[in-house]
Amino acid sequence: MEIITSVEQARIPVTVMRVRGKIDSSTFQAFQSKAEELIGSGARHLLVDLADAPFISSAGLRAIHNIFNQLRAIHKDMNDDDLRKSMSAGAYKSPYLKACGLSPEVREVFTLGGFDIYIESHEDTGSALASF
């Protein structure tokens, strides 16, 4: 797996993580560590570009969830109870973590894992950046 990062200017600065290769039990830690490094360096809005990631396992989903929690702790946009209520009502999408370029297989994993409930996914980088 390879991760290429850049900062793109949308309405706000967005750090893009372009993943090439699978995110699975042998690579999820590198993926999560890179995101933690970026957050530690000041990234506050992340876009995970999965156009070149043909597969994501449950370990990869856990890493994405951990990244979501780290960003949420920084932004403090709502408390846990309100978040659960909003997610249950389908009224919450993370304003600081989004994904794009999901293949049909990865989209299915996202949906089955319930990640589509709180993480927006877009077809391409341009539309994803425009949503920030």
C-alpha atoms as a PDB file:
ATOM      1  CA  MET A   1       0.000   0.000   0.000  1.00  0.00           C
ATOM      2  CA  GLU A   2       1.160   3.502  -0.826  1.00  0.00           C
ATOM      3  CA  ILE A   3      -0.288   6.751   0.514  1.00  0.00           C
ATOM      4  CA  ILE A   4       0.221  10.040  -1.284  1.00  0.00           C
ATOM      5  CA  THR A   5      -0.854  13.149   0.576  1.00  0.00           C
ATOM      6  CA  SER A   6      -1.549  16.683  -0.494  1.00  0.00           C
ATOM      7  CA  VAL A   7      -3.360  19.718   0.823  1.00  0.00           C
ATOM      8  CA  GLU A   8      -6.035  21.052  -1.506  1.00  0.00           C
ATOM      9  CA  GLN A   9      -7.787  24.364  -1.115  1.00  0.00           C
ATOM     10  CA  ALA A  10     -11.552  23.995  -1.045  1.00  0.00           C
ATOM     11  CA  ARG A  11     -13.641  26.430   0.973  1.00  0.00           C
ATOM     12  CA  ILE A  12     -11.169  25.345   3.672  1.00  0.00           C
ATOM     13  CA  PRO A  13      -7.827  23.504   3.447  1.00  0.00           C
ATOM     14  CA  VAL A  14      -8.432  19.765   2.994  1.00  0.00           C
ATOM     15  CA  THR A  15      -5.747  17.137   3.419  1.00  0.00           C
ATOM     16  CA  VAL A  16      -6.171  14.405   0.807  1.00  0.00           C
ATOM     17  CA  MET A  17      -4.893  10.888   1.445  1.00  0.00           C
ATOM     18  CA  ARG A  18      -4.691   8.992  -1.868  1.00  0.00           C
ATOM     19  CA  VAL A  19      -4.444   5.293  -1.092  1.00  0.00           C
ATOM     20  CA  ARG A  20      -2.952   2.902  -3.625  1.00  0.00           C
ATOM     21  CA  GLY A  21      -3.425  -0.739  -2.716  1.00  0.00           C
ATOM     22  CA  LYS A  22      -5.458  -2.688  -0.219  1.00  0.00           C
ATOM     23  CA  ILE A  23      -6.207  -1.560   3.304  1.00  0.00           C
ATOM     24  CA  ASP A  24      -6.262  -4.808   5.229  1.00  0.00           C
ATOM     25  CA  SER A  25      -4.799  -6.452   8.332  1.00  0.00           C
ATOM     26  CA  SER A  26      -1.255  -6.040   7.034  1.00  0.00           C
ATOM     27  CA  THR A  27      -1.565  -2.376   6.000  1.00  0.00           C
ATOM     28  CA  PHE A  28      -4.199  -0.729   8.197  1.00  0.00           C
ATOM     29  CA  GLN A  29      -1.673   0.330  10.828  1.00  0.00           C
ATOM     30  CA  ALA A  30       0.406   2.247   8.274  1.00  0.00           C
ATOM     31  CA  PHE A  31      -2.782   3.895   6.994  1.00  0.00           C
ATOM     32  CA  GLN A  32      -3.927   4.874  10.476  1.00  0.00           C
ATOM     33  CA  SER A  33      -0.441   6.044  11.488  1.00  0.00           C
ATOM     34  CA  LYS A  34      -0.215   8.301   8.440  1.00  0.00           C
ATOM     35  CA  ALA A  35      -3.594   9.848   9.251  1.00  0.00           C
ATOM     36  CA  GLU A  36      -2.542  10.347  12.880  1.00  0.00           C
ATOM     37  CA  GLU A  37       0.677  11.990  11.694  1.00  0.00           C
ATOM     38  CA  LEU A  38      -1.302  14.357   9.458  1.00  0.00           C
ATOM     39  CA  ILE A  39      -3.745  15.205  12.255  1.00  0.00           C
ATOM     40  CA  GLY A  40      -0.825  15.749  14.627  1.00  0.00           C
ATOM     41  CA  SER A  41       0.666  18.159  12.084  1.00  0.00           C
ATOM     42  CA  GLY A  42      -2.519  20.217  11.969  1.00  0.00           C
ATOM     43  CA  ALA A  43      -4.823  18.548   9.411  1.00  0.00           C
ATOM     44  CA  ARG A  44      -8.415  19.186  10.485  1.00  0.00           C
ATOM     45  CA  HIS A  45     -10.347  18.040   7.387  1.00  0.00           C
ATOM     46  CA  LEU A  46      -9.420  14.779   5.662  1.00  0.00           C
ATOM     47  CA  LEU A  47     -10.499  13.301   2.364  1.00  0.00           C
ATOM     48  CA  VAL A  48      -9.624   9.639   1.860  1.00  0.00           C
ATOM     49  CA  ASP A  49      -9.332   8.945  -1.865  1.00  0.00           C
ATOM     50  CA  LEU A  50      -9.883   5.221  -2.422  1.00  0.00           C
ATOM     51  CA  ALA A  51      -9.988   5.249  -6.242  1.00  0.00           C
ATOM     52  CA  ASP A  52      -6.875   3.057  -6.342  1.00  0.00           C
ATOM     53  CA  ALA A  53      -7.782   0.925  -3.316  1.00  0.00           C
ATOM     54  CA  PRO A  54      -9.538  -2.176  -4.615  1.00  0.00           C
ATOM     55  CA  PHE A  55     -10.213  -3.663  -1.178  1.00  0.00           C
ATOM     56  CA  ILE A  56     -10.772  -2.587   2.415  1.00  0.00           C
ATOM     57  CA  SER A  57     -11.137  -5.064   5.257  1.00  0.00           C
ATOM     58  CA  SER A  58     -12.698  -4.698   8.681  1.00  0.00           C
ATOM     59  CA  ALA A  59      -9.261  -3.636   9.958  1.00  0.00           C
ATOM     60  CA  GLY A  60      -9.309  -0.784   7.441  1.00  0.00           C
ATOM     61  CA  LEU A  61     -12.800   0.193   8.535  1.00  0.00           C
ATOM     62  CA  ARG A  62     -11.654   0.264  12.162  1.00  0.00           C
ATOM     63  CA  ALA A  63      -8.799   2.571  11.150  1.00  0.00           C
ATOM     64  CA  ILE A  64     -11.241   4.913   9.397  1.00  0.00           C
ATOM     65  CA  HIS A  65     -13.489   4.883  12.470  1.00  0.00           C
ATOM     66  CA  ASN A  66     -10.496   5.698  14.702  1.00  0.00           C
ATOM     67  CA  ILE A  67      -9.592   8.602  12.410  1.00  0.00           C
ATOM     68  CA  PHE A  68     -13.201   9.821  12.589  1.00  0.00           C
ATOM     69  CA  ASN A  69     -13.051   9.709  16.403  1.00  0.00           C
ATOM     70  CA  GLN A  70      -9.752  11.611  16.504  1.00  0.00           C
ATOM     71  CA  LEU A  71     -11.100  14.366  14.281  1.00  0.00           C
ATOM     72  CA  ARG A  72     -14.358  14.471  16.216  1.00  0.00           C
ATOM     73  CA  ALA A  73     -12.432  14.933  19.476  1.00  0.00           C
ATOM     74  CA  ILE A  74     -10.682  17.942  17.942  1.00  0.00           C
ATOM     75  CA  HIS A  75     -13.809  19.523  16.467  1.00  0.00           C
ATOM     76  CA  LYS A  76     -16.180  18.715  19.361  1.00  0.00           C
ATOM     77  CA  ASP A  77     -19.190  19.367  17.131  1.00  0.00           C
ATOM     78  CA  MET A  78     -21.677  17.506  19.358  1.00  0.00           C
ATOM     79  CA  ASN A  79     -21.835  15.211  22.355  1.00  0.00           C
ATOM     80  CA  ASP A  80     -22.098  11.424  22.065  1.00  0.00           C
ATOM     81  CA  ASP A  81     -25.833  11.233  22.791  1.00  0.00           C
ATOM     82  CA  ASP A  82     -26.692  13.871  20.201  1.00  0.00           C
ATOM     83  CA  LEU A  83     -24.407  12.180  17.681  1.00  0.00           C
ATOM     84  CA  ARG A  84     -26.114   8.806  18.181  1.00  0.00           C
ATOM     85  CA  LYS A  85     -29.552  10.399  17.817  1.00  0.00           C
ATOM     86  CA  SER A  86     -28.532  12.270  14.664  1.00  0.00           C
ATOM     87  CA  MET A  87     -26.949   9.167  13.148  1.00  0.00           C
ATOM     88  CA  SER A  88     -30.018   7.060  13.945  1.00  0.00           C
ATOM     89  CA  ALA A  89     -32.213   9.658  12.266  1.00  0.00           C
ATOM     90  CA  GLY A  90     -29.929   9.749   9.222  1.00  0.00           C
ATOM     91  CA  ALA A  91     -29.250  13.422   9.888  1.00  0.00           C
ATOM     92  CA  TYR A  92     -25.494  13.319  10.482  1.00  0.00           C
ATOM     93  CA  LYS A  93     -22.570  13.192   8.061  1.00  0.00           C
ATOM     94  CA  SER A  94     -19.072  14.010   9.214  1.00  0.00           C
ATOM     95  CA  PRO A  95     -18.103  17.519   8.113  1.00  0.00           C
ATOM     96  CA  TYR A  96     -14.379  16.770   8.578  1.00  0.00           C
ATOM     97  CA  LEU A  97     -13.853  13.229   7.214  1.00  0.00           C
ATOM     98  CA  LYS A  98     -15.057  12.178   3.768  1.00  0.00           C
ATOM     99  CA  ALA A  99     -14.202   9.536   1.186  1.00  0.00           C
ATOM    100  CA  CYS A 100     -14.191   9.389  -2.586  1.00  0.00           C
ATOM    101  CA  GLY A 101     -13.546   7.014  -5.451  1.00  0.00           C
ATOM    102  CA  LEU A 102     -15.065   3.947  -3.826  1.00  0.00           C
ATOM    103  CA  SER A 103     -15.182   0.923  -6.110  1.00  0.00           C
ATOM    104  CA  PRO A 104     -18.428  -1.083  -6.050  1.00  0.00           C
ATOM    105  CA  GLU A 105     -16.735  -3.623  -3.751  1.00  0.00           C
ATOM    106  CA  VAL A 106     -15.441  -0.989  -1.328  1.00  0.00           C
ATOM    107  CA  ARG A 107     -18.793   0.833  -1.408  1.00  0.00           C
ATOM    108  CA  GLU A 108     -20.507  -2.429  -0.432  1.00  0.00           C
ATOM    109  CA  VAL A 109     -18.121  -2.878   2.517  1.00  0.00           C
ATOM    110  CA  PHE A 110     -18.762   0.730   3.593  1.00  0.00           C
ATOM    111  CA  THR A 111     -22.515   0.158   3.415  1.00  0.00           C
ATOM    112  CA  LEU A 112     -22.471  -3.198   5.193  1.00  0.00           C
ATOM    113  CA  GLY A 113     -20.290  -1.706   7.919  1.00  0.00           C
ATOM    114  CA  GLY A 114     -22.677   1.233   8.356  1.00  0.00           C
ATOM    115  CA  PHE A 115     -20.035   3.789   7.425  1.00  0.00           C
ATOM    116  CA  ASP A 116     -22.292   5.336   4.788  1.00  0.00           C
ATOM    117  CA  ILE A 117     -24.496   6.517   7.664  1.00  0.00           C
ATOM    118  CA  TYR A 118     -21.921   9.022   8.921  1.00  0.00           C
ATOM    119  CA  ILE A 119     -19.207   9.363   6.270  1.00  0.00           C
ATOM    120  CA  GLU A 120     -20.062  11.017   2.962  1.00  0.00           C
ATOM    121  CA  SER A 121     -18.659   9.352  -0.111  1.00  0.00           C
ATOM    122  CA  HIS A 122     -18.281  11.026  -3.478  1.00  0.00           C
ATOM    123  CA  GLU A 123     -17.534   9.751  -6.954  1.00  0.00           C
ATOM    124  CA  ASP A 124     -14.379  11.808  -7.436  1.00  0.00           C
ATOM    125  CA  THR A 125     -11.977  14.152  -5.696  1.00  0.00           C
ATOM    126  CA  GLY A 126     -13.446  17.299  -7.252  1.00  0.00           C
ATOM    127  CA  SER A 127     -16.975  16.714  -5.999  1.00  0.00           C
ATOM    128  CA  ALA A 128     -15.671  15.626  -2.600  1.00  0.00           C
ATOM    129  CA  LEU A 129     -13.552  18.763  -2.212  1.00  0.00           C
ATOM    130  CA  ALA A 130     -16.514  20.921  -3.229  1.00  0.00           C
ATOM    131  CA  SER A 131     -18.525  19.392  -0.354  1.00  0.00           C
ATOM    132  CA  PHE A 132     -16.174  20.689   2.354  1.00  0.00           C
END
